[in-house]
Amino acid sequence: MRIAITSQGNSLESILDQRFGHCKYFVIVDMQTGAIEIIPNPYSEAEEQAGTLAVKLLSSKNVNKIISGEFGIKVKPLLDSLNIQMIMYKKPNIPIGKVIEMLNHNN
């Protein structure tokens, strides 16, 4: 299972970004191996289609779930068609490391 988390920065101390398509970074966690990959979101400044382009990027990284505060309306049908689960987490100012800790605790 590979989970992408939207992040405001490129470290585990960074805060969960509430915006999916316009987040600055994606933190991808491989729940089986514990490997963590942090990639910049090339679509963070896009005026249109940021969410759908980000979904395609994460799909190419074999992501099964995405955690973010908000998702755009066009994203859900695309995620459904790709069998990628979206998880909305609205708690502000939570560090990425804490999100990963919660994920590990639930497994």
Protein backbone atom coordinates (compact mmCIF):
# COMPACT_ATOMS: atom_id res chain seq x y z
CA MET A 1 0.00 0.00 0.00
CA ARG A 2 1.36 3.39 -1.04
CA ILE A 3 -0.15 6.51 0.49
CA ALA A 4 0.40 10.09 -0.69
CA ILE A 5 0.06 12.95 1.78
CA THR A 6 -0.17 16.58 0.68
CA SER A 7 2.53 18.68 2.33
CA GLN A 8 3.46 22.36 2.62
CA GLY A 9 7.17 21.49 2.73
CA ASN A 10 9.72 18.82 1.89
CA SER A 11 10.27 17.27 5.32
CA LEU A 12 8.36 15.15 7.82
CA GLU A 13 8.16 18.21 10.08
CA SER A 14 6.21 20.05 7.37
CA ILE A 15 2.49 20.66 7.80
CA LEU A 16 -0.28 18.78 5.96
CA ASP A 17 -1.37 20.98 3.05
CA GLN A 18 -5.13 21.42 2.96
CA ARG A 19 -5.09 21.88 -0.83
CA PHE A 20 -4.72 18.76 -2.96
CA GLY A 21 -3.97 19.99 -6.48
CA HIS A 22 -2.12 23.09 -5.35
CA CYS A 23 -0.06 21.60 -2.52
CA LYS A 24 3.68 22.22 -2.67
CA TYR A 25 4.82 18.61 -2.12
CA PHE A 26 3.58 15.04 -1.96
CA VAL A 27 4.99 12.71 0.67
CA ILE A 28 4.61 9.13 -0.55
CA VAL A 29 4.81 6.43 2.10
CA ASP A 30 5.20 2.75 1.27
CA MET A 31 3.40 1.10 4.18
CA GLN A 32 5.06 -2.29 3.58
CA THR A 33 8.68 -1.18 3.41
CA GLY A 34 8.46 2.08 5.35
CA ALA A 35 10.19 3.90 2.47
CA ILE A 36 9.34 7.59 2.17
CA GLU A 37 9.65 9.64 -1.02
CA ILE A 38 9.05 13.39 -1.08
CA ILE A 39 8.34 14.90 -4.48
CA PRO A 40 7.52 18.47 -5.48
CA ASN A 41 4.09 19.01 -7.02
CA PRO A 42 4.81 20.35 -10.51
CA TYR A 43 1.18 21.53 -10.77
CA SER A 44 1.03 23.62 -7.58
CA GLU A 45 0.94 26.87 -9.57
CA ALA A 46 -1.25 25.61 -12.44
CA GLU A 47 -4.30 27.74 -13.15
CA GLU A 48 -6.37 24.83 -14.45
CA GLN A 49 -6.43 21.05 -14.07
CA ALA A 50 -3.98 21.02 -11.12
CA GLY A 51 -5.98 18.31 -9.34
CA THR A 52 -6.46 15.98 -12.29
CA LEU A 53 -2.82 16.33 -13.34
CA ALA A 54 -1.71 15.62 -9.77
CA VAL A 55 -3.90 12.49 -9.71
CA LYS A 56 -2.22 11.24 -12.88
CA LEU A 57 1.22 11.90 -11.37
CA LEU A 58 0.37 9.99 -8.17
CA SER A 59 -1.21 7.17 -10.15
CA SER A 60 2.08 6.77 -12.04
CA LYS A 61 3.74 6.39 -8.62
CA ASN A 62 1.35 3.50 -7.79
CA VAL A 63 -0.39 5.38 -4.97
CA ASN A 64 -3.46 3.62 -3.47
CA LYS A 65 -4.65 6.37 -1.11
CA ILE A 66 -4.29 10.14 -0.90
CA ILE A 67 -4.62 12.18 2.29
CA SER A 68 -5.39 15.90 2.01
CA GLY A 69 -7.62 18.52 3.58
CA GLU A 70 -9.62 19.30 0.45
CA PHE A 71 -10.14 17.78 -2.99
CA GLY A 72 -11.54 19.58 -6.03
CA ILE A 73 -14.84 18.47 -7.50
CA LYS A 74 -13.25 17.05 -10.69
CA VAL A 75 -10.86 14.81 -8.76
CA LYS A 76 -13.26 12.32 -7.16
CA PRO A 77 -14.52 10.66 -10.38
CA LEU A 78 -10.95 10.31 -11.63
CA LEU A 79 -9.77 8.81 -8.33
CA ASP A 80 -12.74 6.42 -8.35
CA SER A 81 -11.91 5.29 -11.90
CA LEU A 82 -8.31 4.58 -10.84
CA ASN A 83 -9.34 2.85 -7.58
CA ILE A 84 -7.46 5.41 -5.49
CA GLN A 85 -9.08 6.21 -2.15
CA MET A 86 -9.24 9.83 -1.02
CA ILE A 87 -9.09 10.62 2.67
CA MET A 88 -9.99 14.11 3.84
CA TYR A 89 -8.20 15.19 7.01
CA LYS A 90 -9.28 18.65 8.10
CA LYS A 91 -7.19 19.04 11.25
CA PRO A 92 -5.02 22.14 10.65
CA ASN A 93 -1.32 22.38 11.43
CA ILE A 94 -0.62 18.65 11.76
CA PRO A 95 2.93 17.61 10.83
CA ILE A 96 3.38 14.96 8.15
CA GLY A 97 5.36 12.81 10.60
CA LYS A 98 2.32 12.72 12.91
CA VAL A 99 0.06 11.65 10.02
CA ILE A 100 2.48 8.81 9.19
CA GLU A 101 2.62 7.83 12.86
CA MET A 102 -1.20 7.58 12.91
CA LEU A 103 -1.15 5.48 9.72
CA ASN A 104 1.40 3.08 11.24
CA HIS A 105 -0.64 2.83 14.42
CA ASN A 106 -3.75 1.80 12.44
CA ASN A 107 -1.97 -1.08 10.67
